[in-house]
């Protein structure tokens, strides 16, 4: 297992870039909920990353730093 898992929020618009799946709001929410539940079920360390642009990047860095 990893030391920390980053779970990215679904707060940004979905972009069809040819590699992403789960384009509908319902599918995105279901995948997010299943991912979160699995992280919790396994008892691993994880952090939610949200925000837009630079704020999202900073939130990811803050989560990694906090995990130390």
C-alpha atoms as a PDB file:
ATOM      1  CA  UNK A   1       0.000   0.000   0.000  1.00  0.00           C
ATOM      2  CA  UNK A   2       0.991   3.609  -0.435  1.00  0.00           C
ATOM      3  CA  UNK A   3       1.710   6.005   2.424  1.00  0.00           C
ATOM      4  CA  UNK A   4      -1.064   8.339   1.254  1.00  0.00           C
ATOM      5  CA  UNK A   5      -3.817   8.230  -1.346  1.00  0.00           C
ATOM      6  CA  UNK A   6      -5.177  11.414  -2.885  1.00  0.00           C
ATOM      7  CA  UNK A   7      -8.875  11.321  -3.694  1.00  0.00           C
ATOM      8  CA  UNK A   8      -9.707  14.081  -6.137  1.00  0.00           C
ATOM      9  CA  UNK A   9     -13.105  15.679  -5.704  1.00  0.00           C
ATOM     10  CA  UNK A  10     -15.558  15.860  -8.592  1.00  0.00           C
ATOM     11  CA  UNK A  11     -15.878  19.628  -8.243  1.00  0.00           C
ATOM     12  CA  UNK A  12     -14.410  20.353 -11.681  1.00  0.00           C
ATOM     13  CA  UNK A  13     -16.229  19.926 -14.987  1.00  0.00           C
ATOM     14  CA  UNK A  14     -15.692  16.621 -16.750  1.00  0.00           C
ATOM     15  CA  UNK A  15     -13.685  16.913 -19.983  1.00  0.00           C
ATOM     16  CA  UNK A  16     -13.892  14.286 -22.699  1.00  0.00           C
ATOM     17  CA  UNK A  17     -10.200  13.903 -23.502  1.00  0.00           C
ATOM     18  CA  UNK A  18     -10.452  10.392 -24.910  1.00  0.00           C
ATOM     19  CA  UNK A  19      -9.046   8.700 -21.790  1.00  0.00           C
ATOM     20  CA  UNK A  20     -11.513   9.597 -19.043  1.00  0.00           C
ATOM     21  CA  UNK A  21     -14.501   7.502 -18.106  1.00  0.00           C
ATOM     22  CA  UNK A  22     -17.678   8.189 -16.150  1.00  0.00           C
ATOM     23  CA  UNK A  23     -18.802  11.353 -17.945  1.00  0.00           C
ATOM     24  CA  UNK A  24     -22.260  11.718 -16.448  1.00  0.00           C
ATOM     25  CA  UNK A  25     -22.770  13.392 -13.085  1.00  0.00           C
ATOM     26  CA  UNK A  26     -24.329  10.213 -11.723  1.00  0.00           C
ATOM     27  CA  UNK A  27     -21.464   8.003 -12.895  1.00  0.00           C
ATOM     28  CA  UNK A  28     -18.863  10.411 -11.527  1.00  0.00           C
ATOM     29  CA  UNK A  29     -20.598  10.530  -8.152  1.00  0.00           C
ATOM     30  CA  UNK A  30     -20.922   6.741  -8.008  1.00  0.00           C
ATOM     31  CA  UNK A  31     -17.227   6.220  -8.829  1.00  0.00           C
ATOM     32  CA  UNK A  32     -16.217   8.863  -6.274  1.00  0.00           C
ATOM     33  CA  UNK A  33     -18.410   7.283  -3.581  1.00  0.00           C
ATOM     34  CA  UNK A  34     -17.102   3.787  -4.339  1.00  0.00           C
ATOM     35  CA  UNK A  35     -13.498   5.015  -4.295  1.00  0.00           C
ATOM     36  CA  UNK A  36     -13.961   6.760  -0.956  1.00  0.00           C
ATOM     37  CA  UNK A  37     -15.703   3.749   0.550  1.00  0.00           C
ATOM     38  CA  UNK A  38     -12.876   1.461  -0.597  1.00  0.00           C
ATOM     39  CA  UNK A  39     -10.212   3.716   0.920  1.00  0.00           C
ATOM     40  CA  UNK A  40     -12.134   3.735   4.197  1.00  0.00           C
ATOM     41  CA  UNK A  41     -12.776  -0.030   4.069  1.00  0.00           C
ATOM     42  CA  UNK A  42      -9.070  -0.696   3.648  1.00  0.00           C
ATOM     43  CA  UNK A  43      -8.175   1.677   6.466  1.00  0.00           C
ATOM     44  CA  UNK A  44      -5.514   3.443   4.439  1.00  0.00           C
ATOM     45  CA  UNK A  45      -4.453   7.033   4.840  1.00  0.00           C
ATOM     46  CA  UNK A  46      -6.133   9.312   2.312  1.00  0.00           C
ATOM     47  CA  UNK A  47      -6.930  12.966   1.728  1.00  0.00           C
ATOM     48  CA  UNK A  48      -9.572  14.732  -0.325  1.00  0.00           C
ATOM     49  CA  UNK A  49      -8.217  17.230  -2.842  1.00  0.00           C
ATOM     50  CA  UNK A  50     -10.563  19.867  -4.205  1.00  0.00           C
ATOM     51  CA  UNK A  51     -10.409  23.327  -5.692  1.00  0.00           C
ATOM     52  CA  UNK A  52      -9.636  24.808  -9.061  1.00  0.00           C
ATOM     53  CA  UNK A  53      -6.333  25.476 -10.782  1.00  0.00           C
ATOM     54  CA  UNK A  54      -3.522  26.565  -8.493  1.00  0.00           C
ATOM     55  CA  UNK A  55      -5.709  26.068  -5.410  1.00  0.00           C
ATOM     56  CA  UNK A  56      -6.169  22.398  -6.286  1.00  0.00           C
ATOM     57  CA  UNK A  57      -2.425  21.979  -6.692  1.00  0.00           C
ATOM     58  CA  UNK A  58      -1.791  23.729  -3.374  1.00  0.00           C
ATOM     59  CA  UNK A  59      -4.406  21.561  -1.651  1.00  0.00           C
ATOM     60  CA  UNK A  60      -2.698  18.429  -2.952  1.00  0.00           C
ATOM     61  CA  UNK A  61       0.692  19.668  -1.730  1.00  0.00           C
ATOM     62  CA  UNK A  62      -0.784  20.576   1.657  1.00  0.00           C
ATOM     63  CA  UNK A  63      -2.231  17.071   2.023  1.00  0.00           C
ATOM     64  CA  UNK A  64       1.114  15.493   1.188  1.00  0.00           C
ATOM     65  CA  UNK A  65       2.964  17.824   3.559  1.00  0.00           C
ATOM     66  CA  UNK A  66       0.480  17.174   6.364  1.00  0.00           C
ATOM     67  CA  UNK A  67       0.941  13.427   5.907  1.00  0.00           C
ATOM     68  CA  UNK A  68       4.642  14.038   6.539  1.00  0.00           C
END
